[in-house]
N, C-alpha and C. Protein backbone atom coordinates (compact mmCIF):
# COMPACT_ATOMS: atom_id res chain seq x y z
N UNK A 1 5.39 13.37 -5.55
CA UNK A 1 5.85 12.38 -4.64
C UNK A 1 7.36 12.44 -4.51
N UNK A 2 7.81 12.15 -3.34
CA UNK A 2 9.24 12.19 -3.11
C UNK A 2 9.89 10.90 -3.60
N UNK A 3 11.16 11.04 -3.98
CA UNK A 3 11.95 9.85 -4.32
C UNK A 3 12.25 9.11 -3.04
N UNK A 4 12.55 7.84 -3.17
CA UNK A 4 12.94 7.07 -2.00
C UNK A 4 14.28 7.58 -1.49
N UNK A 5 14.32 7.96 -0.25
CA UNK A 5 15.56 8.33 0.41
C UNK A 5 15.67 7.43 1.62
N UNK A 6 16.72 6.63 1.64
CA UNK A 6 16.87 5.64 2.70
C UNK A 6 18.05 6.06 3.57
N UNK A 7 17.79 6.24 4.86
CA UNK A 7 18.82 6.64 5.79
C UNK A 7 18.80 5.70 6.99
N UNK A 8 19.98 5.26 7.39
CA UNK A 8 20.12 4.46 8.61
C UNK A 8 19.08 3.36 8.72
N UNK A 9 19.00 2.55 7.71
CA UNK A 9 18.05 1.45 7.68
C UNK A 9 18.75 0.20 8.21
N UNK A 10 18.11 -0.48 9.13
CA UNK A 10 18.65 -1.72 9.67
C UNK A 10 18.52 -2.86 8.68
N UNK A 11 19.10 -3.97 9.02
CA UNK A 11 19.12 -5.13 8.13
C UNK A 11 17.72 -5.65 7.82
N UNK A 12 16.79 -5.54 8.76
CA UNK A 12 15.45 -6.09 8.57
C UNK A 12 14.44 -5.07 8.05
N UNK A 13 14.86 -3.84 7.85
CA UNK A 13 13.93 -2.79 7.46
C UNK A 13 13.53 -2.91 5.99
N UNK A 14 12.28 -2.66 5.73
CA UNK A 14 11.75 -2.64 4.38
C UNK A 14 10.88 -1.40 4.27
N UNK A 15 11.03 -0.66 3.18
CA UNK A 15 10.20 0.52 2.98
C UNK A 15 9.26 0.27 1.81
N UNK A 16 8.27 1.12 1.69
CA UNK A 16 7.35 1.03 0.57
C UNK A 16 8.12 1.38 -0.70
N UNK A 17 8.02 0.55 -1.68
CA UNK A 17 8.68 0.77 -2.96
C UNK A 17 7.92 1.86 -3.71
N UNK A 18 8.51 3.04 -3.80
CA UNK A 18 7.84 4.20 -4.42
C UNK A 18 7.58 3.99 -5.91
N UNK A 19 8.44 3.26 -6.59
CA UNK A 19 8.21 2.96 -8.00
C UNK A 19 6.93 2.14 -8.17
N UNK A 20 6.80 1.10 -7.34
CA UNK A 20 5.58 0.29 -7.36
C UNK A 20 4.37 1.15 -7.03
N UNK A 21 4.53 2.02 -6.04
CA UNK A 21 3.43 2.87 -5.61
C UNK A 21 2.95 3.76 -6.75
N UNK A 22 3.87 4.42 -7.43
CA UNK A 22 3.49 5.32 -8.52
C UNK A 22 2.79 4.55 -9.64
N UNK A 23 3.34 3.40 -10.03
CA UNK A 23 2.72 2.60 -11.08
C UNK A 23 1.33 2.12 -10.68
N UNK A 24 1.20 1.65 -9.44
CA UNK A 24 -0.10 1.18 -8.96
C UNK A 24 -1.10 2.32 -8.90
N UNK A 25 -0.67 3.48 -8.45
CA UNK A 25 -1.58 4.63 -8.37
C UNK A 25 -2.05 5.04 -9.75
N UNK A 26 -1.16 5.03 -10.72
CA UNK A 26 -1.57 5.35 -12.09
C UNK A 26 -2.63 4.38 -12.58
N UNK A 27 -2.46 3.10 -12.27
CA UNK A 27 -3.43 2.09 -12.67
C UNK A 27 -4.78 2.32 -11.98
N UNK A 28 -4.73 2.62 -10.69
CA UNK A 28 -5.96 2.84 -9.92
C UNK A 28 -6.70 4.06 -10.44
N UNK A 29 -5.97 5.12 -10.72
CA UNK A 29 -6.62 6.34 -11.21
C UNK A 29 -7.32 6.07 -12.53
N UNK A 30 -6.70 5.27 -13.39
CA UNK A 30 -7.34 4.95 -14.67
C UNK A 30 -8.54 4.03 -14.51
N UNK A 31 -8.43 3.05 -13.61
CA UNK A 31 -9.46 2.02 -13.48
C UNK A 31 -10.51 2.33 -12.41
N UNK A 32 -10.15 3.03 -11.39
CA UNK A 32 -11.07 3.27 -10.27
C UNK A 32 -11.37 4.75 -10.16
N UNK A 33 -10.81 5.37 -9.12
CA UNK A 33 -11.00 6.80 -8.95
C UNK A 33 -9.93 7.38 -8.04
N UNK A 34 -9.93 8.69 -7.94
CA UNK A 34 -8.91 9.38 -7.15
C UNK A 34 -9.04 9.11 -5.65
N UNK A 35 -10.26 8.83 -5.15
CA UNK A 35 -10.43 8.54 -3.72
C UNK A 35 -9.64 7.30 -3.32
N UNK A 36 -9.70 6.28 -4.13
CA UNK A 36 -8.98 5.05 -3.84
C UNK A 36 -7.47 5.30 -3.93
N UNK A 37 -7.05 6.03 -4.95
CA UNK A 37 -5.63 6.35 -5.09
C UNK A 37 -5.12 7.16 -3.91
N UNK A 38 -5.90 8.11 -3.45
CA UNK A 38 -5.52 8.92 -2.28
C UNK A 38 -5.41 8.04 -1.04
N UNK A 39 -6.34 7.11 -0.88
CA UNK A 39 -6.30 6.20 0.27
C UNK A 39 -5.05 5.33 0.24
N UNK A 40 -4.68 4.86 -0.94
CA UNK A 40 -3.47 4.03 -1.06
C UNK A 40 -2.24 4.87 -0.73
N UNK A 41 -2.20 6.10 -1.20
CA UNK A 41 -1.07 6.99 -0.91
C UNK A 41 -0.98 7.25 0.59
N UNK A 42 -2.12 7.50 1.24
CA UNK A 42 -2.14 7.73 2.69
C UNK A 42 -1.66 6.49 3.44
N UNK A 43 -2.10 5.32 2.99
CA UNK A 43 -1.67 4.08 3.63
C UNK A 43 -0.16 3.90 3.47
N UNK A 44 0.37 4.22 2.30
CA UNK A 44 1.81 4.10 2.07
C UNK A 44 2.60 4.99 3.03
N UNK A 45 2.14 6.21 3.21
CA UNK A 45 2.81 7.13 4.13
C UNK A 45 2.75 6.60 5.56
N UNK A 46 1.58 6.09 5.94
CA UNK A 46 1.41 5.56 7.29
C UNK A 46 2.31 4.34 7.51
N UNK A 47 2.35 3.46 6.54
CA UNK A 47 3.17 2.25 6.64
C UNK A 47 4.64 2.61 6.74
N UNK A 48 5.08 3.54 5.90
CA UNK A 48 6.48 3.97 5.96
C UNK A 48 6.82 4.55 7.33
N UNK A 49 5.94 5.39 7.86
CA UNK A 49 6.22 6.03 9.15
C UNK A 49 6.17 5.03 10.30
N UNK A 50 5.44 3.92 10.11
CA UNK A 50 5.33 2.92 11.17
C UNK A 50 6.62 2.13 11.36
N UNK A 51 7.39 1.99 10.28
CA UNK A 51 8.60 1.18 10.35
C UNK A 51 8.33 -0.31 10.47
N UNK A 52 7.10 -0.73 10.22
CA UNK A 52 6.69 -2.12 10.37
C UNK A 52 7.07 -2.91 9.11
N UNK A 53 8.03 -3.80 9.25
CA UNK A 53 8.54 -4.58 8.13
C UNK A 53 7.46 -5.47 7.52
N UNK A 54 6.69 -6.15 8.36
CA UNK A 54 5.64 -7.04 7.85
C UNK A 54 4.62 -6.28 7.02
N UNK A 55 4.22 -5.12 7.51
CA UNK A 55 3.25 -4.29 6.78
C UNK A 55 3.84 -3.81 5.46
N UNK A 56 5.11 -3.42 5.46
CA UNK A 56 5.77 -2.95 4.24
C UNK A 56 5.85 -4.05 3.18
N UNK A 57 6.22 -5.24 3.61
CA UNK A 57 6.32 -6.37 2.68
C UNK A 57 4.95 -6.69 2.08
N UNK A 58 3.93 -6.78 2.92
CA UNK A 58 2.58 -7.07 2.44
C UNK A 58 2.07 -5.97 1.51
N UNK A 59 2.37 -4.72 1.84
CA UNK A 59 1.92 -3.59 1.02
C UNK A 59 2.62 -3.60 -0.34
N UNK A 60 3.91 -3.90 -0.36
CA UNK A 60 4.61 -3.98 -1.64
C UNK A 60 4.04 -5.10 -2.51
N UNK A 61 3.67 -6.22 -1.90
CA UNK A 61 3.02 -7.31 -2.64
C UNK A 61 1.66 -6.85 -3.18
N UNK A 62 0.93 -6.11 -2.36
CA UNK A 62 -0.36 -5.54 -2.77
C UNK A 62 -0.16 -4.64 -3.99
N UNK A 63 0.86 -3.78 -3.94
CA UNK A 63 1.14 -2.88 -5.06
C UNK A 63 1.54 -3.63 -6.32
N UNK A 64 2.33 -4.69 -6.16
CA UNK A 64 2.72 -5.49 -7.32
C UNK A 64 1.51 -6.11 -8.00
N UNK A 65 0.59 -6.62 -7.20
CA UNK A 65 -0.63 -7.20 -7.78
C UNK A 65 -1.47 -6.12 -8.43
N UNK A 66 -1.54 -4.97 -7.80
CA UNK A 66 -2.35 -3.86 -8.32
C UNK A 66 -1.83 -3.37 -9.66
N UNK A 67 -0.55 -3.52 -9.91
CA UNK A 67 0.07 -3.11 -11.17
C UNK A 67 -0.32 -4.01 -12.34
N UNK A 68 -0.77 -5.21 -12.04
CA UNK A 68 -1.08 -6.18 -13.09
C UNK A 68 -2.21 -5.65 -13.98
N UNK A 69 -2.20 -6.03 -15.26
CA UNK A 69 -3.27 -5.59 -16.16
C UNK A 69 -4.66 -5.97 -15.64
N UNK A 70 -4.77 -7.12 -15.00
CA UNK A 70 -6.04 -7.58 -14.43
C UNK A 70 -5.76 -8.07 -13.01
N UNK A 71 -5.64 -7.14 -12.04
CA UNK A 71 -5.35 -7.57 -10.67
C UNK A 71 -6.43 -8.51 -10.15
N UNK A 72 -6.00 -9.55 -9.47
CA UNK A 72 -6.95 -10.51 -8.90
C UNK A 72 -7.40 -10.03 -7.53
N UNK A 73 -8.68 -9.87 -7.38
CA UNK A 73 -9.22 -9.30 -6.15
C UNK A 73 -8.90 -10.16 -4.92
N UNK A 74 -8.86 -11.47 -5.08
CA UNK A 74 -8.55 -12.34 -3.93
C UNK A 74 -7.13 -12.08 -3.43
N UNK A 75 -6.20 -11.89 -4.36
CA UNK A 75 -4.82 -11.60 -3.97
C UNK A 75 -4.72 -10.21 -3.35
N UNK A 76 -5.41 -9.24 -3.92
CA UNK A 76 -5.41 -7.89 -3.35
C UNK A 76 -5.91 -7.93 -1.91
N UNK A 77 -6.99 -8.65 -1.68
CA UNK A 77 -7.56 -8.75 -0.33
C UNK A 77 -6.58 -9.45 0.62
N UNK A 78 -5.97 -10.51 0.16
CA UNK A 78 -5.01 -11.25 0.98
C UNK A 78 -3.85 -10.35 1.41
N UNK A 79 -3.28 -9.63 0.46
CA UNK A 79 -2.15 -8.76 0.79
C UNK A 79 -2.59 -7.58 1.66
N UNK A 80 -3.76 -7.01 1.36
CA UNK A 80 -4.26 -5.89 2.16
C UNK A 80 -4.54 -6.35 3.60
N UNK A 81 -5.14 -7.52 3.75
CA UNK A 81 -5.38 -8.06 5.09
C UNK A 81 -4.06 -8.22 5.84
N UNK A 82 -3.00 -8.61 5.13
CA UNK A 82 -1.68 -8.71 5.75
C UNK A 82 -1.18 -7.37 6.26
N UNK A 83 -1.43 -6.32 5.50
CA UNK A 83 -1.06 -4.96 5.92
C UNK A 83 -1.83 -4.59 7.18
N UNK A 84 -3.14 -4.73 7.12
CA UNK A 84 -4.00 -4.31 8.23
C UNK A 84 -3.69 -5.11 9.50
N UNK A 85 -3.46 -6.40 9.36
CA UNK A 85 -3.18 -7.24 10.52
C UNK A 85 -1.81 -6.96 11.14
N UNK A 86 -0.88 -6.44 10.34
CA UNK A 86 0.46 -6.17 10.84
C UNK A 86 0.55 -4.85 11.61
N UNK A 87 -0.45 -3.99 11.42
CA UNK A 87 -0.40 -2.67 12.03
C UNK A 87 -1.45 -2.53 13.13
N UNK A 88 -1.17 -1.68 14.11
CA UNK A 88 -2.21 -1.40 15.11
C UNK A 88 -3.35 -0.63 14.45
N UNK A 89 -4.53 -0.82 14.91
CA UNK A 89 -5.69 -0.16 14.34
C UNK A 89 -5.65 1.34 14.64
N UNK A 90 -5.87 2.14 13.60
CA UNK A 90 -5.97 3.58 13.77
C UNK A 90 -7.08 4.09 12.87
N UNK A 91 -7.62 5.24 13.21
CA UNK A 91 -8.67 5.83 12.39
C UNK A 91 -8.16 6.13 10.99
N UNK A 92 -6.91 6.58 10.86
CA UNK A 92 -6.36 6.91 9.56
C UNK A 92 -6.31 5.68 8.66
N UNK A 93 -5.87 4.57 9.20
CA UNK A 93 -5.80 3.35 8.41
C UNK A 93 -7.20 2.78 8.15
N UNK A 94 -8.09 2.90 9.12
CA UNK A 94 -9.45 2.41 8.93
C UNK A 94 -10.15 3.14 7.79
N UNK A 95 -9.96 4.46 7.70
CA UNK A 95 -10.56 5.23 6.61
C UNK A 95 -10.00 4.79 5.27
N UNK A 96 -8.68 4.62 5.21
CA UNK A 96 -8.05 4.18 3.97
C UNK A 96 -8.53 2.78 3.60
N UNK A 97 -8.63 1.90 4.59
CA UNK A 97 -9.05 0.52 4.34
C UNK A 97 -10.43 0.46 3.74
N UNK A 98 -11.33 1.30 4.20
CA UNK A 98 -12.69 1.31 3.65
C UNK A 98 -12.69 1.68 2.16
N UNK A 99 -11.83 2.61 1.78
CA UNK A 99 -11.76 3.01 0.38
C UNK A 99 -11.04 1.98 -0.47
N UNK A 100 -9.96 1.41 0.07
CA UNK A 100 -9.19 0.40 -0.66
C UNK A 100 -10.04 -0.85 -0.89
N UNK A 101 -10.94 -1.16 0.02
CA UNK A 101 -11.80 -2.34 -0.11
C UNK A 101 -12.63 -2.32 -1.39
N UNK A 102 -12.80 -1.16 -2.00
CA UNK A 102 -13.52 -1.07 -3.27
C UNK A 102 -12.82 -1.85 -4.37
N UNK A 103 -11.52 -2.12 -4.18
CA UNK A 103 -10.75 -2.86 -5.18
C UNK A 103 -11.07 -4.35 -5.17
N UNK A 104 -11.61 -4.84 -4.05
CA UNK A 104 -11.93 -6.26 -3.96
C UNK A 104 -13.28 -6.42 -3.36
């Protein structure tokens, strides 16, 4: 995974926190499976490329909850729904969403 490189970011821009992403992925791989981890990684890339601040904020909250020793499924769903609702529907995100839903 690449380190966070931030270039020409406006005042309202938020990116996916790569540290949170790596920690959350490690937790998912241990507790779930690689398919879910891959879906989360794909969603992170899509969210970053979208430049959507609301989706980035919700996704970072999702990752923070996922890092917890016992993530609460209701909170995971709430934050994930925030991501999905902030972005336009695409097949790439729909595929990832189906896999991520296994977490809640």
